[in-house]
């Protein structure tokens, strides 16, 4: 799980654990650990892939889809992409 959190968000990790037959109690405990670092993980994953803030709606959507495919929720995606604009 620790190795996966550097690449994926809560939704993807939860799905993978369910597929492997892990009990719901253990999944919930794992999710609590991952949620604390989810925003930082999403920022780091975004930074490695894109490096530049989206300049258009199409680019924003592309970057959002990438983060969503990695298992991050829309609230995290909005924070990452909107923060990148304000940082520049």
N, C-alpha and C. Protein backbone atom coordinates (compact mmCIF):
# COMPACT_ATOMS: atom_id res chain seq x y z
N UNK A 1 0.82 -1.19 0.00
CA UNK A 1 0.00 0.00 0.00
C UNK A 1 0.86 1.25 0.00
N UNK A 2 1.94 1.24 0.76
CA UNK A 2 2.78 2.43 0.84
C UNK A 2 3.41 2.75 -0.52
N UNK A 3 3.78 1.73 -1.25
CA UNK A 3 4.36 1.94 -2.57
C UNK A 3 3.32 2.48 -3.54
N UNK A 4 2.09 2.06 -3.42
CA UNK A 4 1.02 2.47 -4.32
C UNK A 4 0.59 3.91 -4.07
N UNK A 5 0.69 4.40 -2.84
CA UNK A 5 0.21 5.75 -2.55
C UNK A 5 1.07 6.82 -3.21
N UNK A 6 2.29 6.49 -3.61
CA UNK A 6 3.14 7.45 -4.31
C UNK A 6 2.71 7.62 -5.76
N UNK A 7 1.86 6.71 -6.25
CA UNK A 7 1.43 6.78 -7.65
C UNK A 7 -0.07 6.95 -7.82
N UNK A 8 -0.84 6.60 -6.80
CA UNK A 8 -2.29 6.54 -6.96
C UNK A 8 -3.02 7.21 -5.80
N UNK A 9 -4.28 7.56 -6.06
CA UNK A 9 -5.13 8.16 -5.05
C UNK A 9 -5.94 7.11 -4.29
N UNK A 10 -6.78 7.60 -3.40
CA UNK A 10 -7.56 6.75 -2.52
C UNK A 10 -8.49 5.81 -3.29
N UNK A 11 -9.16 6.33 -4.31
CA UNK A 11 -10.13 5.51 -5.05
C UNK A 11 -9.46 4.31 -5.71
N UNK A 12 -8.33 4.53 -6.32
CA UNK A 12 -7.62 3.44 -7.01
C UNK A 12 -7.08 2.42 -6.01
N UNK A 13 -6.53 2.89 -4.91
CA UNK A 13 -6.00 1.98 -3.90
C UNK A 13 -7.13 1.15 -3.28
N UNK A 14 -8.24 1.79 -2.99
CA UNK A 14 -9.40 1.08 -2.43
C UNK A 14 -9.87 -0.01 -3.39
N UNK A 15 -9.97 0.34 -4.65
CA UNK A 15 -10.41 -0.62 -5.65
C UNK A 15 -9.47 -1.82 -5.74
N UNK A 16 -8.17 -1.55 -5.76
CA UNK A 16 -7.19 -2.63 -5.84
C UNK A 16 -7.25 -3.54 -4.61
N UNK A 17 -7.42 -2.95 -3.44
CA UNK A 17 -7.50 -3.76 -2.23
C UNK A 17 -8.75 -4.64 -2.23
N UNK A 18 -9.88 -4.09 -2.71
CA UNK A 18 -11.11 -4.89 -2.79
C UNK A 18 -10.93 -6.05 -3.76
N UNK A 19 -10.26 -5.79 -4.89
CA UNK A 19 -10.03 -6.85 -5.87
C UNK A 19 -9.21 -8.00 -5.27
N UNK A 20 -8.30 -7.67 -4.38
CA UNK A 20 -7.43 -8.68 -3.77
C UNK A 20 -8.10 -9.39 -2.59
N UNK A 21 -9.33 -8.97 -2.24
CA UNK A 21 -10.07 -9.64 -1.19
C UNK A 21 -9.73 -9.19 0.21
N UNK A 22 -9.19 -8.01 0.36
CA UNK A 22 -8.86 -7.46 1.67
C UNK A 22 -10.15 -7.06 2.38
N UNK A 23 -10.22 -7.27 3.68
CA UNK A 23 -11.44 -6.95 4.42
C UNK A 23 -11.69 -5.45 4.45
N UNK A 24 -12.97 -5.10 4.59
CA UNK A 24 -13.37 -3.69 4.59
C UNK A 24 -12.73 -2.91 5.73
N UNK A 25 -12.56 -3.53 6.87
CA UNK A 25 -11.93 -2.86 8.02
C UNK A 25 -10.49 -2.47 7.72
N UNK A 26 -9.75 -3.38 7.09
CA UNK A 26 -8.36 -3.08 6.73
C UNK A 26 -8.28 -2.02 5.64
N UNK A 27 -9.22 -2.05 4.71
CA UNK A 27 -9.27 -1.04 3.65
C UNK A 27 -9.50 0.34 4.26
N UNK A 28 -10.44 0.43 5.19
CA UNK A 28 -10.74 1.72 5.84
C UNK A 28 -9.53 2.24 6.61
N UNK A 29 -8.80 1.37 7.27
CA UNK A 29 -7.60 1.79 7.99
C UNK A 29 -6.53 2.29 7.01
N UNK A 30 -6.39 1.60 5.90
CA UNK A 30 -5.41 2.00 4.89
C UNK A 30 -5.79 3.34 4.26
N UNK A 31 -7.07 3.54 4.01
CA UNK A 31 -7.54 4.79 3.41
C UNK A 31 -7.27 5.97 4.33
N UNK A 32 -7.43 5.79 5.61
CA UNK A 32 -7.16 6.87 6.56
C UNK A 32 -5.70 7.30 6.50
N UNK A 33 -4.80 6.36 6.33
CA UNK A 33 -3.38 6.69 6.22
C UNK A 33 -3.09 7.44 4.94
N UNK A 34 -3.69 7.01 3.85
CA UNK A 34 -3.43 7.61 2.54
C UNK A 34 -4.05 9.00 2.44
N UNK A 35 -5.23 9.20 3.01
CA UNK A 35 -5.93 10.48 2.89
C UNK A 35 -5.12 11.65 3.45
N UNK A 36 -4.33 11.42 4.46
CA UNK A 36 -3.56 12.51 5.05
C UNK A 36 -2.54 13.09 4.09
N UNK A 37 -2.04 12.29 3.17
CA UNK A 37 -1.02 12.74 2.22
C UNK A 37 -1.53 12.84 0.79
N UNK A 38 -2.82 12.67 0.59
CA UNK A 38 -3.34 12.59 -0.77
C UNK A 38 -3.09 13.85 -1.59
N UNK A 39 -3.29 15.01 -1.01
CA UNK A 39 -3.07 16.25 -1.76
C UNK A 39 -1.60 16.40 -2.16
N UNK A 40 -0.70 16.13 -1.24
CA UNK A 40 0.73 16.22 -1.56
C UNK A 40 1.13 15.20 -2.62
N UNK A 41 0.58 13.99 -2.53
CA UNK A 41 0.87 12.97 -3.53
C UNK A 41 0.36 13.39 -4.90
N UNK A 42 -0.84 13.94 -4.94
CA UNK A 42 -1.42 14.39 -6.22
C UNK A 42 -0.57 15.50 -6.83
N UNK A 43 -0.10 16.43 -6.01
CA UNK A 43 0.76 17.52 -6.51
C UNK A 43 2.04 16.96 -7.10
N UNK A 44 2.63 16.01 -6.43
CA UNK A 44 3.90 15.44 -6.89
C UNK A 44 3.71 14.66 -8.19
N UNK A 45 2.65 13.90 -8.28
CA UNK A 45 2.35 13.14 -9.50
C UNK A 45 2.09 14.11 -10.65
N UNK A 46 1.32 15.16 -10.39
CA UNK A 46 1.05 16.17 -11.42
C UNK A 46 2.35 16.82 -11.88
N UNK A 47 3.19 17.19 -10.94
CA UNK A 47 4.45 17.88 -11.25
C UNK A 47 5.35 17.01 -12.13
N UNK A 48 5.41 15.73 -11.84
CA UNK A 48 6.24 14.82 -12.63
C UNK A 48 5.74 14.70 -14.07
N UNK A 49 4.43 14.72 -14.25
CA UNK A 49 3.84 14.51 -15.57
C UNK A 49 3.77 15.79 -16.40
N UNK A 50 3.35 16.90 -15.82
CA UNK A 50 3.02 18.08 -16.61
C UNK A 50 3.97 19.26 -16.44
N UNK A 51 4.37 19.58 -15.25
CA UNK A 51 5.32 20.67 -14.96
C UNK A 51 4.79 22.07 -15.26
N UNK A 52 3.79 22.22 -16.14
CA UNK A 52 3.26 23.53 -16.52
C UNK A 52 1.75 23.55 -16.28
N UNK A 53 1.27 24.65 -15.71
CA UNK A 53 -0.17 24.79 -15.46
C UNK A 53 -0.96 24.79 -16.76
N UNK A 54 -2.19 24.33 -16.70
CA UNK A 54 -3.01 24.31 -17.92
C UNK A 54 -3.30 25.72 -18.41
N UNK A 55 -3.12 25.95 -19.70
CA UNK A 55 -3.33 27.27 -20.29
C UNK A 55 -4.74 27.42 -20.88
N UNK A 56 -5.40 26.31 -21.14
CA UNK A 56 -6.73 26.37 -21.74
C UNK A 56 -7.65 25.38 -21.03
N UNK A 57 -8.92 25.47 -21.38
CA UNK A 57 -9.90 24.54 -20.80
C UNK A 57 -9.59 23.10 -21.20
N UNK A 58 -9.16 22.93 -22.45
CA UNK A 58 -8.85 21.59 -22.94
C UNK A 58 -7.66 20.99 -22.18
N UNK A 59 -6.65 21.81 -21.95
CA UNK A 59 -5.48 21.34 -21.20
C UNK A 59 -5.85 21.04 -19.74
N UNK A 60 -6.70 21.87 -19.16
CA UNK A 60 -7.17 21.64 -17.78
C UNK A 60 -7.89 20.30 -17.72
N UNK A 61 -8.76 20.06 -18.69
CA UNK A 61 -9.52 18.81 -18.72
C UNK A 61 -8.59 17.61 -18.90
N UNK A 62 -7.58 17.75 -19.74
CA UNK A 62 -6.62 16.67 -19.96
C UNK A 62 -5.89 16.32 -18.67
N UNK A 63 -5.42 17.35 -17.97
CA UNK A 63 -4.71 17.12 -16.73
C UNK A 63 -5.63 16.56 -15.65
N UNK A 64 -6.88 17.02 -15.63
CA UNK A 64 -7.84 16.51 -14.67
C UNK A 64 -8.14 15.04 -14.93
N UNK A 65 -8.29 14.67 -16.20
CA UNK A 65 -8.54 13.26 -16.54
C UNK A 65 -7.37 12.38 -16.12
N UNK A 66 -6.16 12.88 -16.30
CA UNK A 66 -4.99 12.11 -15.89
C UNK A 66 -5.03 11.84 -14.39
N UNK A 67 -5.26 12.88 -13.60
CA UNK A 67 -5.31 12.70 -12.15
C UNK A 67 -6.48 11.81 -11.74
N UNK A 68 -7.60 11.95 -12.43
CA UNK A 68 -8.76 11.11 -12.13
C UNK A 68 -8.45 9.65 -12.43
N UNK A 69 -7.72 9.40 -13.50
CA UNK A 69 -7.36 8.01 -13.84
C UNK A 69 -6.42 7.41 -12.80
N UNK A 70 -5.73 8.25 -12.07
CA UNK A 70 -4.84 7.79 -11.01
C UNK A 70 -5.58 7.59 -9.69
N UNK A 71 -6.88 7.89 -9.66
CA UNK A 71 -7.68 7.58 -8.48
C UNK A 71 -7.90 8.74 -7.54
N UNK A 72 -7.69 9.96 -8.00
CA UNK A 72 -7.91 11.13 -7.15
C UNK A 72 -9.32 11.67 -7.38
N UNK A 73 -9.93 12.17 -6.31
CA UNK A 73 -11.26 12.75 -6.39
C UNK A 73 -11.23 14.14 -6.98
N UNK A 74 -12.40 14.61 -7.39
CA UNK A 74 -12.48 15.91 -8.06
C UNK A 74 -12.06 17.06 -7.16
N UNK A 75 -12.34 16.97 -5.86
CA UNK A 75 -11.93 18.03 -4.95
C UNK A 75 -10.42 18.16 -4.88
N UNK A 76 -9.72 17.06 -4.87
CA UNK A 76 -8.25 17.07 -4.87
C UNK A 76 -7.74 17.60 -6.21
N UNK A 77 -8.34 17.16 -7.30
CA UNK A 77 -7.93 17.60 -8.63
C UNK A 77 -8.07 19.11 -8.76
N UNK A 78 -9.20 19.65 -8.33
CA UNK A 78 -9.41 21.11 -8.39
C UNK A 78 -8.35 21.84 -7.58
N UNK A 79 -8.06 21.35 -6.40
CA UNK A 79 -7.05 22.01 -5.56
C UNK A 79 -5.69 22.01 -6.23
N UNK A 80 -5.32 20.89 -6.81
CA UNK A 80 -4.00 20.78 -7.45
C UNK A 80 -3.91 21.71 -8.66
N UNK A 81 -4.88 21.64 -9.55
CA UNK A 81 -4.81 22.43 -10.77
C UNK A 81 -5.01 23.91 -10.53
N UNK A 82 -5.88 24.29 -9.62
CA UNK A 82 -6.08 25.70 -9.33
C UNK A 82 -4.91 26.28 -8.55
N UNK A 83 -4.28 25.49 -7.70
CA UNK A 83 -3.13 25.98 -6.95
C UNK A 83 -1.94 26.20 -7.87
N UNK A 84 -1.81 25.38 -8.88
CA UNK A 84 -0.70 25.55 -9.81
C UNK A 84 -0.81 26.89 -10.54
N UNK A 85 -2.03 27.31 -10.85
CA UNK A 85 -2.23 28.61 -11.50
C UNK A 85 -1.83 29.75 -10.58
N UNK A 86 -2.18 29.66 -9.31
CA UNK A 86 -1.88 30.74 -8.38
C UNK A 86 -0.40 30.78 -8.01
N UNK A 87 0.29 29.64 -8.11
CA UNK A 87 1.71 29.60 -7.79
C UNK A 87 2.57 30.30 -8.83
N UNK A 88 2.06 30.37 -10.07
CA UNK A 88 2.87 30.96 -11.15
C UNK A 88 2.76 32.45 -11.21
